Protein backbone atom coordinates (compact mmCIF):
# COMPACT_ATOMS: atom_id res chain seq x y z
CA MET A 1 130.66 144.04 16.50
CA THR A 2 133.59 145.83 18.16
CA PRO A 3 135.68 144.21 20.82
CA GLU A 4 134.58 146.87 23.32
CA ALA A 5 130.95 146.03 22.71
CA VAL A 6 131.64 142.35 23.20
CA ALA A 7 133.37 143.10 26.47
CA GLY A 8 130.38 145.18 27.58
CA ARG A 9 132.25 148.46 27.77
CA THR A 10 131.12 151.83 26.38
CA PRO A 11 133.07 152.88 23.35
CA ARG A 12 135.46 155.78 23.89
CA PRO A 13 135.11 158.79 21.68
CA GLY A 14 137.74 159.28 19.08
CA HIS A 15 140.17 162.20 18.86
CA ARG A 16 137.79 164.22 16.69
CA GLY A 17 135.00 163.91 19.19
CA GLN A 18 137.32 164.95 21.98
CA ARG A 19 138.34 168.06 20.12
CA LEU A 20 134.69 169.06 19.49
CA ALA A 21 133.83 168.55 23.09
CA VAL A 22 136.74 170.67 24.29
CA ALA A 23 135.88 173.44 21.77
CA ALA A 24 132.27 173.51 22.87
CA GLY A 25 133.36 173.72 26.49
CA VAL A 26 135.64 176.66 25.73
CA VAL A 27 132.88 178.55 23.86
CA LEU A 28 130.42 177.94 26.67
CA ALA A 29 132.89 179.11 29.29
CA ALA A 30 133.70 182.24 27.26
CA GLY A 31 130.00 183.00 26.93
CA VAL A 32 129.48 182.62 30.67
CA VAL A 33 132.45 184.94 31.38
CA LEU A 34 131.12 187.60 28.96
CA LEU A 35 127.63 187.37 30.45
CA VAL A 36 128.91 187.75 34.03
CA THR A 37 131.19 190.62 33.02
CA TRP A 38 128.24 192.45 31.33
CA MET A 39 126.02 191.91 34.37
CA LEU A 40 128.61 193.17 36.81
CA SER A 41 129.74 196.21 34.73
CA PRO A 42 127.87 199.57 35.29
CA ARG A 43 125.39 200.21 32.55
CA GLN A 44 124.39 203.66 31.35
CA THR A 45 120.83 204.39 30.38
CA ALA A 46 120.55 205.81 26.87
CA ARG A 47 119.46 209.42 27.00
CA ALA A 48 117.97 211.39 24.20
CA PRO A 49 120.07 214.44 23.38
CA ARG A 50 118.57 217.59 24.85
CA GLU A 51 117.78 220.32 22.40
CA LYS A 52 119.46 223.56 23.41
CA VAL A 53 116.99 226.43 23.50
CA VAL A 54 118.53 229.74 22.44
CA VAL A 55 116.68 232.84 23.70
CA PRO A 56 117.43 235.88 21.57
CA ALA A 57 119.03 238.72 23.48
CA PRO A 58 117.02 241.90 23.87
CA GLN A 59 117.75 244.48 21.18
CA ALA A 60 118.36 248.13 21.92
CA SER A 61 115.60 250.08 20.17
CA SER A 62 114.28 253.59 20.15
CA VAL A 63 110.71 253.89 21.45
CA GLN A 64 108.27 256.76 21.65
CA LEU A 65 106.65 257.39 25.07
CA TYR A 66 103.99 259.88 26.10
CA PHE A 67 103.96 261.82 29.37
CA ALA A 68 102.14 264.90 30.66
CA SER A 69 103.72 268.24 29.90
CA ALA A 70 105.38 270.14 32.73
CA GLU A 71 102.16 272.05 33.24
CA GLY A 72 100.18 268.80 33.23
CA ALA A 73 97.68 270.02 30.64
CA ALA A 74 98.56 267.93 27.60
CA LEU A 75 100.75 265.12 26.42
CA VAL A 76 104.33 265.43 25.17
CA SER A 77 106.32 262.72 23.40
CA GLU A 78 109.71 261.52 24.52
CA SER A 79 112.14 259.29 22.63
CA ARG A 80 114.08 256.72 24.64
CA VAL A 81 116.44 253.83 23.79
CA VAL A 82 115.52 250.67 25.67
CA SER A 83 116.23 246.94 25.41
CA LEU A 84 113.24 245.25 23.79
CA PRO A 85 112.72 241.46 24.04
CA GLU A 86 111.62 239.43 21.04
CA SER A 87 108.22 238.55 22.59
CA PRO A 88 105.48 241.14 21.83
CA ALA A 89 103.98 240.71 25.34
CA GLU A 90 107.39 241.30 26.94
CA ARG A 91 107.93 244.36 24.73
CA LEU A 92 104.65 245.82 26.01
CA ARG A 93 105.73 245.13 29.59
CA VAL A 94 108.86 247.17 28.93
CA LEU A 95 106.85 250.05 27.51
CA VAL A 96 104.54 250.10 30.52
CA HIS A 97 107.51 249.93 32.85
CA GLU A 98 109.09 252.91 31.11
CA LEU A 99 105.82 254.89 31.37
CA ALA A 100 105.56 254.10 35.07
CA ALA A 101 109.19 255.03 35.61
CA GLY A 102 108.43 258.58 34.50
CA SER A 103 109.88 261.17 32.14
CA THR A 104 113.59 261.98 31.86
CA ALA A 105 112.94 265.21 29.97
CA GLY A 106 110.84 267.25 32.40
CA GLY A 107 107.45 265.69 31.78
CA GLN A 108 105.08 264.32 34.40
CA ALA A 109 104.38 260.59 34.90
CA LEU A 110 100.76 259.66 34.37
CA ILE A 111 100.95 255.92 35.11
CA PRO A 112 101.35 255.06 38.84
CA ALA A 113 104.88 253.89 39.59
CA ALA A 114 103.77 250.49 40.98
CA THR A 115 101.77 249.62 37.86
CA THR A 116 102.70 246.41 36.10
CA LEU A 117 101.39 244.73 32.97
CA ARG A 118 100.18 241.30 33.95
CA ALA A 119 99.45 240.01 30.45
CA ALA A 120 99.01 241.18 26.88
CA TYR A 121 97.41 239.40 23.91
CA VAL A 122 95.73 240.26 20.58
CA LEU A 123 92.36 239.48 19.15
CA GLN A 124 90.65 239.87 15.76
CA ASN A 125 93.63 239.39 13.45
CA GLY A 126 95.87 241.57 15.60
CA GLU A 127 93.68 244.71 15.46
CA THR A 128 92.51 244.56 19.09
CA LEU A 129 95.05 244.47 21.86
CA CYS A 130 94.12 243.40 25.43
CA LEU A 131 96.24 244.85 28.20
CA ASP A 132 95.75 243.35 31.64
CA PHE A 133 97.12 245.63 34.38
CA SER A 134 97.72 245.23 38.11
CA ARG A 135 95.21 247.00 40.38
CA ASP A 136 97.83 249.72 40.98
CA LEU A 137 96.75 251.41 37.74
CA ARG A 138 93.49 252.32 39.43
CA SER A 139 94.44 252.65 43.06
CA GLY A 140 97.42 254.87 42.42
CA LEU A 141 95.87 257.13 39.75
CA ASN A 142 95.49 260.82 40.54
CA PRO A 143 91.85 261.82 41.02
CA GLY A 144 89.99 263.96 38.50
CA SER A 145 88.85 263.59 34.90
CA THR A 146 91.91 265.27 33.44
CA ALA A 147 94.32 262.89 35.14
CA GLU A 148 92.25 259.90 34.05
CA PHE A 149 92.01 261.18 30.43
CA LEU A 150 95.75 261.85 30.15
CA ALA A 151 96.65 258.49 31.71
CA LEU A 152 94.53 256.61 29.13
CA GLN A 153 95.77 258.77 26.31
CA SER A 154 99.35 258.17 27.39
CA LEU A 155 98.87 254.40 27.22
CA LEU A 156 97.01 254.45 23.94
CA GLU A 157 99.41 256.81 22.15
CA THR A 158 102.41 254.82 23.33
CA VAL A 159 100.76 251.66 21.92
CA ARG A 160 100.05 253.52 18.62
CA ALA A 161 103.61 254.69 18.29
CA ASN A 162 105.26 251.34 19.05
CA VAL A 163 102.88 248.54 18.10
CA PRO A 164 101.94 248.68 14.37
CA GLY A 165 98.59 247.34 13.21
CA VAL A 166 96.65 247.79 16.44
CA GLN A 167 93.44 249.78 16.12
CA ARG A 168 91.85 249.44 19.53
CA VAL A 169 92.81 248.52 23.07
CA GLN A 170 90.79 246.74 25.74
CA ILE A 171 92.03 247.60 29.21
CA LEU A 172 91.58 245.02 31.99
CA ILE A 173 92.40 245.20 35.71
CA GLU A 174 93.47 241.95 37.33
CA GLY A 175 91.96 240.05 34.40
CA GLN A 176 88.56 241.74 34.67
CA ILE A 177 86.75 244.35 32.55
CA VAL A 178 86.11 247.47 34.64
CA GLU A 179 83.73 250.35 34.09
CA SER A 180 86.44 252.98 34.38
CA LEU A 181 89.71 253.86 36.10
CA ALA A 182 88.38 256.81 38.12
CA GLY A 183 84.75 257.08 37.18
CA HIS A 184 84.93 259.30 34.10
CA TYR A 185 85.75 257.22 30.99
CA ASP A 186 84.03 254.02 29.95
CA LEU A 187 86.38 251.01 29.78
CA SER A 188 83.70 248.32 29.32
CA HIS A 189 84.58 248.13 25.61
CA PRO A 190 87.78 248.46 23.55
CA LEU A 191 89.01 252.01 23.06
CA GLU A 192 89.58 253.12 19.45
CA LEU A 193 93.03 254.59 19.03
CA ASP A 194 91.82 257.14 16.47
CA GLU A 195 89.50 258.66 19.03
CA TRP A 196 92.35 259.18 21.53
CA LYS A 197 94.94 260.51 19.15
CA VAL A 198 96.98 263.47 20.31
CA PRO A 199 96.11 266.52 18.12
CA THR A 200 98.93 267.48 15.75
CA PRO A 201 100.07 271.07 16.44
């Protein structure tokens, strides 16, 4: 038994034990400092990198448009260079806009100036094209069967010349099938492009 035990005193740690205790205290203090520093420092939330969407620029292209002749008795074609977007629906909007804007070569506009294409989509493997117009196509149309015929023919021939593969077109007004534009030609079913083709001189 050691003298310290006999005297009733607790044995003192040796030098090795003192060094271990000091080292443990240093490590603990360093850990506390690091934890406090991390808690007090501003933290940034990890963010997933955003994918940059690149929209192709419209390409200048030559299109074929159809207007009434100066006399207003038949259709005449007119070539025009316009900027066409990549989207087929947006391309059709551009074509309708150009028709409504009128001829630059002496022809007569057949589509009312305020007309807009609300939507366009294809059915049946791309052979049937649905064109949904604003009500201005009806309300602004000149009266009479000839004006109605030429307006429809202008639309259909412009589609034929610029949208390959389409065989028929369903015309809608404000999302609805209508009987006609001005009471003369049935629009309750798709119109066959071959039946509205401009005769070759």
